[in-house]
Amino acid sequence: MLTSKDRAKLRALANQIDTILQVGKGGIGPQLIKQVDDALEARELIKIRVLETAPGFAREVGEELAQATNSEVVQTIGTKIVFYRKNRKNPKIQL
């Protein structure tokens, strides 16, 4: 579980990263979950965008993806969602 200080640090780091994935009209499928999972394994902190054509709102999509990938939603702003999951073998971000 992230503390408010951890979230603040991760939000600051997330400002500098680009959106790497998008959720479109196909919604959340096994392939998207695998892409998010792989990206979290490689980077720990990722940002995705939920397109207007996606079924559901960004907050709902974020919660569902976080649960499916065992990660945490750092923040949701508009259509962008920031996820964090610590890499146990090779941590890149020190909290």
N, C-alpha and C. Protein backbone atom coordinates (compact mmCIF):
# COMPACT_ATOMS: atom_id res chain seq x y z
N MET A 1 0.84 -1.19 0.00
CA MET A 1 0.00 0.00 0.00
C MET A 1 0.89 1.25 0.00
N LEU A 2 0.53 2.21 -0.83
CA LEU A 2 1.32 3.43 -0.94
C LEU A 2 0.87 4.46 0.08
N THR A 3 1.84 5.14 0.68
CA THR A 3 1.52 6.25 1.58
C THR A 3 1.31 7.51 0.73
N SER A 4 0.82 8.57 1.35
CA SER A 4 0.61 9.81 0.60
C SER A 4 1.95 10.39 0.12
N LYS A 5 3.01 10.21 0.91
CA LYS A 5 4.33 10.69 0.48
C LYS A 5 4.83 9.89 -0.73
N ASP A 6 4.61 8.57 -0.70
CA ASP A 6 4.99 7.73 -1.84
C ASP A 6 4.25 8.17 -3.10
N ARG A 7 2.94 8.38 -2.95
CA ARG A 7 2.13 8.82 -4.10
C ARG A 7 2.63 10.15 -4.65
N ALA A 8 2.96 11.08 -3.76
CA ALA A 8 3.45 12.40 -4.20
C ALA A 8 4.74 12.24 -5.00
N LYS A 9 5.64 11.40 -4.52
CA LYS A 9 6.91 11.18 -5.23
C LYS A 9 6.65 10.53 -6.59
N LEU A 10 5.78 9.54 -6.63
CA LEU A 10 5.48 8.85 -7.88
C LEU A 10 4.77 9.78 -8.87
N ARG A 11 3.89 10.64 -8.36
CA ARG A 11 3.22 11.62 -9.24
C ARG A 11 4.23 12.55 -9.88
N ALA A 12 5.20 12.99 -9.08
CA ALA A 12 6.25 13.88 -9.60
C ALA A 12 7.06 13.17 -10.68
N LEU A 13 7.40 11.91 -10.44
CA LEU A 13 8.15 11.14 -11.44
C LEU A 13 7.32 10.90 -12.70
N ALA A 14 6.02 10.69 -12.52
CA ALA A 14 5.13 10.41 -13.65
C ALA A 14 4.97 11.59 -14.58
N ASN A 15 5.17 12.81 -14.07
CA ASN A 15 5.06 13.99 -14.93
C ASN A 15 6.03 13.95 -16.09
N GLN A 16 7.16 13.28 -15.89
CA GLN A 16 8.22 13.27 -16.90
C GLN A 16 8.12 12.10 -17.87
N ILE A 17 7.23 11.14 -17.62
CA ILE A 17 7.16 9.98 -18.52
C ILE A 17 6.04 10.14 -19.53
N ASP A 18 6.21 9.47 -20.66
CA ASP A 18 5.22 9.53 -21.72
C ASP A 18 4.19 8.42 -21.56
N THR A 19 3.03 8.62 -22.18
CA THR A 19 2.00 7.60 -22.23
C THR A 19 2.49 6.48 -23.14
N ILE A 20 2.45 5.24 -22.65
CA ILE A 20 2.98 4.15 -23.47
C ILE A 20 1.91 3.21 -24.02
N LEU A 21 0.72 3.21 -23.41
CA LEU A 21 -0.35 2.33 -23.88
C LEU A 21 -1.66 3.09 -23.92
N GLN A 22 -2.60 2.57 -24.74
CA GLN A 22 -3.92 3.17 -24.82
C GLN A 22 -4.98 2.09 -24.70
N VAL A 23 -6.08 2.44 -24.05
CA VAL A 23 -7.23 1.55 -23.96
C VAL A 23 -8.28 2.12 -24.89
N GLY A 24 -8.66 1.34 -25.90
CA GLY A 24 -9.62 1.81 -26.89
C GLY A 24 -10.94 1.09 -26.80
N LYS A 25 -11.63 1.00 -27.94
CA LYS A 25 -12.97 0.41 -27.94
C LYS A 25 -12.96 -1.07 -27.60
N GLY A 26 -11.80 -1.72 -27.74
CA GLY A 26 -11.70 -3.15 -27.40
C GLY A 26 -11.74 -3.38 -25.90
N GLY A 27 -11.53 -2.33 -25.13
CA GLY A 27 -11.57 -2.45 -23.68
C GLY A 27 -10.37 -3.20 -23.13
N ILE A 28 -10.57 -3.85 -22.00
CA ILE A 28 -9.48 -4.56 -21.33
C ILE A 28 -9.58 -6.04 -21.68
N GLY A 29 -8.60 -6.50 -22.46
CA GLY A 29 -8.54 -7.90 -22.82
C GLY A 29 -7.25 -8.52 -22.31
N PRO A 30 -7.09 -9.82 -22.52
CA PRO A 30 -5.88 -10.50 -22.05
C PRO A 30 -4.59 -9.90 -22.63
N GLN A 31 -4.64 -9.45 -23.87
CA GLN A 31 -3.45 -8.89 -24.50
C GLN A 31 -3.05 -7.57 -23.85
N LEU A 32 -4.02 -6.72 -23.56
CA LEU A 32 -3.72 -5.44 -22.90
C LEU A 32 -3.19 -5.68 -21.48
N ILE A 33 -3.79 -6.61 -20.78
CA ILE A 33 -3.32 -6.94 -19.42
C ILE A 33 -1.87 -7.40 -19.47
N LYS A 34 -1.53 -8.24 -20.47
CA LYS A 34 -0.15 -8.71 -20.60
C LYS A 34 0.79 -7.55 -20.92
N GLN A 35 0.38 -6.64 -21.79
CA GLN A 35 1.21 -5.49 -22.13
C GLN A 35 1.46 -4.61 -20.90
N VAL A 36 0.42 -4.36 -20.12
CA VAL A 36 0.56 -3.55 -18.91
C VAL A 36 1.47 -4.27 -17.92
N ASP A 37 1.26 -5.56 -17.76
CA ASP A 37 2.07 -6.36 -16.84
C ASP A 37 3.55 -6.33 -17.24
N ASP A 38 3.82 -6.52 -18.52
CA ASP A 38 5.21 -6.49 -19.02
C ASP A 38 5.83 -5.11 -18.82
N ALA A 39 5.06 -4.06 -19.11
CA ALA A 39 5.57 -2.69 -18.97
C ALA A 39 5.87 -2.39 -17.50
N LEU A 40 5.02 -2.84 -16.60
CA LEU A 40 5.26 -2.63 -15.17
C LEU A 40 6.51 -3.38 -14.71
N GLU A 41 6.70 -4.57 -15.25
CA GLU A 41 7.88 -5.37 -14.90
C GLU A 41 9.16 -4.65 -15.34
N ALA A 42 9.11 -4.04 -16.51
CA ALA A 42 10.30 -3.37 -17.06
C ALA A 42 10.53 -1.99 -16.46
N ARG A 43 9.44 -1.25 -16.18
CA ARG A 43 9.59 0.17 -15.81
C ARG A 43 9.15 0.53 -14.40
N GLU A 44 8.29 -0.26 -13.80
CA GLU A 44 7.69 0.00 -12.48
C GLU A 44 6.63 1.09 -12.49
N LEU A 45 6.84 2.17 -13.22
CA LEU A 45 5.91 3.30 -13.26
C LEU A 45 5.53 3.54 -14.71
N ILE A 46 4.24 3.42 -15.02
CA ILE A 46 3.79 3.63 -16.40
C ILE A 46 2.57 4.53 -16.43
N LYS A 47 2.34 5.12 -17.60
CA LYS A 47 1.18 5.98 -17.80
C LYS A 47 0.44 5.47 -19.02
N ILE A 48 -0.87 5.29 -18.88
CA ILE A 48 -1.68 4.88 -20.02
C ILE A 48 -2.80 5.89 -20.23
N ARG A 49 -3.39 5.82 -21.41
CA ARG A 49 -4.46 6.75 -21.77
C ARG A 49 -5.70 5.95 -22.13
N VAL A 50 -6.85 6.41 -21.66
CA VAL A 50 -8.12 5.77 -21.98
C VAL A 50 -8.80 6.64 -23.04
N LEU A 51 -9.00 6.06 -24.21
CA LEU A 51 -9.62 6.80 -25.30
C LEU A 51 -11.13 6.97 -25.06
N GLU A 52 -11.73 7.94 -25.75
CA GLU A 52 -13.17 8.19 -25.59
C GLU A 52 -14.00 6.99 -26.02
N THR A 53 -13.46 6.18 -26.93
CA THR A 53 -14.21 5.02 -27.44
C THR A 53 -14.18 3.83 -26.48
N ALA A 54 -13.39 3.92 -25.44
CA ALA A 54 -13.26 2.80 -24.50
C ALA A 54 -14.54 2.61 -23.70
N PRO A 55 -14.88 1.33 -23.44
CA PRO A 55 -16.05 1.09 -22.59
C PRO A 55 -15.70 1.37 -21.14
N GLY A 56 -16.34 2.34 -20.55
CA GLY A 56 -16.07 2.67 -19.15
C GLY A 56 -15.21 3.91 -19.02
N PHE A 57 -15.18 4.44 -17.80
CA PHE A 57 -14.42 5.64 -17.51
C PHE A 57 -13.00 5.27 -17.07
N ALA A 58 -12.12 6.25 -17.10
CA ALA A 58 -10.71 6.02 -16.76
C ALA A 58 -10.55 5.42 -15.37
N ARG A 59 -11.31 5.92 -14.41
CA ARG A 59 -11.18 5.43 -13.03
C ARG A 59 -11.53 3.93 -12.95
N GLU A 60 -12.61 3.53 -13.64
CA GLU A 60 -13.02 2.12 -13.64
C GLU A 60 -11.97 1.26 -14.34
N VAL A 61 -11.49 1.73 -15.47
CA VAL A 61 -10.46 1.01 -16.23
C VAL A 61 -9.21 0.85 -15.37
N GLY A 62 -8.83 1.92 -14.68
CA GLY A 62 -7.65 1.89 -13.82
C GLY A 62 -7.77 0.86 -12.72
N GLU A 63 -8.92 0.83 -12.05
CA GLU A 63 -9.12 -0.13 -10.96
C GLU A 63 -9.06 -1.56 -11.48
N GLU A 64 -9.69 -1.79 -12.63
CA GLU A 64 -9.72 -3.14 -13.20
C GLU A 64 -8.32 -3.60 -13.62
N LEU A 65 -7.58 -2.70 -14.28
CA LEU A 65 -6.21 -3.05 -14.70
C LEU A 65 -5.29 -3.24 -13.50
N ALA A 66 -5.44 -2.41 -12.48
CA ALA A 66 -4.60 -2.53 -11.29
C ALA A 66 -4.83 -3.88 -10.61
N GLN A 67 -6.09 -4.28 -10.55
CA GLN A 67 -6.41 -5.56 -9.93
C GLN A 67 -5.85 -6.71 -10.77
N ALA A 68 -5.98 -6.62 -12.10
CA ALA A 68 -5.52 -7.69 -12.99
C ALA A 68 -4.00 -7.82 -13.01
N THR A 69 -3.29 -6.71 -12.78
CA THR A 69 -1.82 -6.74 -12.86
C THR A 69 -1.15 -6.66 -11.49
N ASN A 70 -1.95 -6.67 -10.42
CA ASN A 70 -1.42 -6.61 -9.06
C ASN A 70 -0.56 -5.35 -8.86
N SER A 71 -1.07 -4.24 -9.38
CA SER A 71 -0.36 -2.96 -9.27
C SER A 71 -1.25 -1.96 -8.53
N GLU A 72 -0.77 -0.73 -8.40
CA GLU A 72 -1.55 0.31 -7.74
C GLU A 72 -1.74 1.49 -8.68
N VAL A 73 -2.92 2.09 -8.62
CA VAL A 73 -3.18 3.32 -9.36
C VAL A 73 -2.61 4.45 -8.52
N VAL A 74 -1.64 5.17 -9.10
CA VAL A 74 -1.04 6.30 -8.40
C VAL A 74 -1.97 7.51 -8.51
N GLN A 75 -2.44 7.75 -9.73
CA GLN A 75 -3.38 8.85 -9.93
C GLN A 75 -4.13 8.67 -11.24
N THR A 76 -5.29 9.29 -11.30
CA THR A 76 -6.09 9.33 -12.53
C THR A 76 -6.43 10.79 -12.76
N ILE A 77 -6.00 11.30 -13.90
CA ILE A 77 -6.33 12.69 -14.27
C ILE A 77 -6.94 12.65 -15.66
N GLY A 78 -8.20 13.01 -15.74
CA GLY A 78 -8.88 13.00 -17.03
C GLY A 78 -8.87 11.60 -17.63
N THR A 79 -8.18 11.46 -18.76
CA THR A 79 -8.12 10.17 -19.44
C THR A 79 -6.81 9.44 -19.20
N LYS A 80 -5.94 9.99 -18.38
CA LYS A 80 -4.63 9.37 -18.13
C LYS A 80 -4.60 8.71 -16.76
N ILE A 81 -3.97 7.54 -16.72
CA ILE A 81 -3.85 6.78 -15.47
C ILE A 81 -2.38 6.42 -15.28
N VAL A 82 -1.89 6.59 -14.06
CA VAL A 82 -0.52 6.23 -13.72
C VAL A 82 -0.56 5.01 -12.80
N PHE A 83 0.21 3.98 -13.17
CA PHE A 83 0.29 2.74 -12.39
C PHE A 83 1.69 2.56 -11.84
N TYR A 84 1.76 1.90 -10.69
CA TYR A 84 3.05 1.57 -10.09
C TYR A 84 3.01 0.15 -9.54
N ARG A 85 4.08 -0.57 -9.80
CA ARG A 85 4.28 -1.88 -9.17
C ARG A 85 5.78 -2.08 -8.98
N LYS A 86 6.17 -2.32 -7.75
CA LYS A 86 7.58 -2.49 -7.45
C LYS A 86 8.10 -3.78 -8.09
N ASN A 87 9.26 -3.67 -8.72
CA ASN A 87 9.93 -4.84 -9.28
C ASN A 87 10.74 -5.46 -8.14
N ARG A 88 10.36 -6.64 -7.70
CA ARG A 88 10.99 -7.26 -6.54
C ARG A 88 12.44 -7.66 -6.81
N LYS A 89 12.75 -8.06 -8.03
CA LYS A 89 14.11 -8.51 -8.36
C LYS A 89 15.06 -7.35 -8.58
N ASN A 90 14.58 -6.31 -9.26
CA ASN A 90 15.45 -5.22 -9.67
C ASN A 90 14.73 -3.88 -9.52
N PRO A 91 14.51 -3.39 -8.29
CA PRO A 91 13.77 -2.14 -8.11
C PRO A 91 14.52 -0.93 -8.69
N LYS A 92 13.78 -0.10 -9.42
CA LYS A 92 14.37 1.09 -10.05
C LYS A 92 14.03 2.36 -9.28
N ILE A 93 12.89 2.36 -8.61
CA ILE A 93 12.42 3.55 -7.89
C ILE A 93 12.51 3.28 -6.39
N GLN A 94 13.21 4.14 -5.69
CA GLN A 94 13.32 4.02 -4.24
C GLN A 94 12.27 4.88 -3.57
N LEU A 95 11.40 4.27 -2.79
CA LEU A 95 10.37 5.02 -2.06
C LEU A 95 10.75 5.15 -0.60
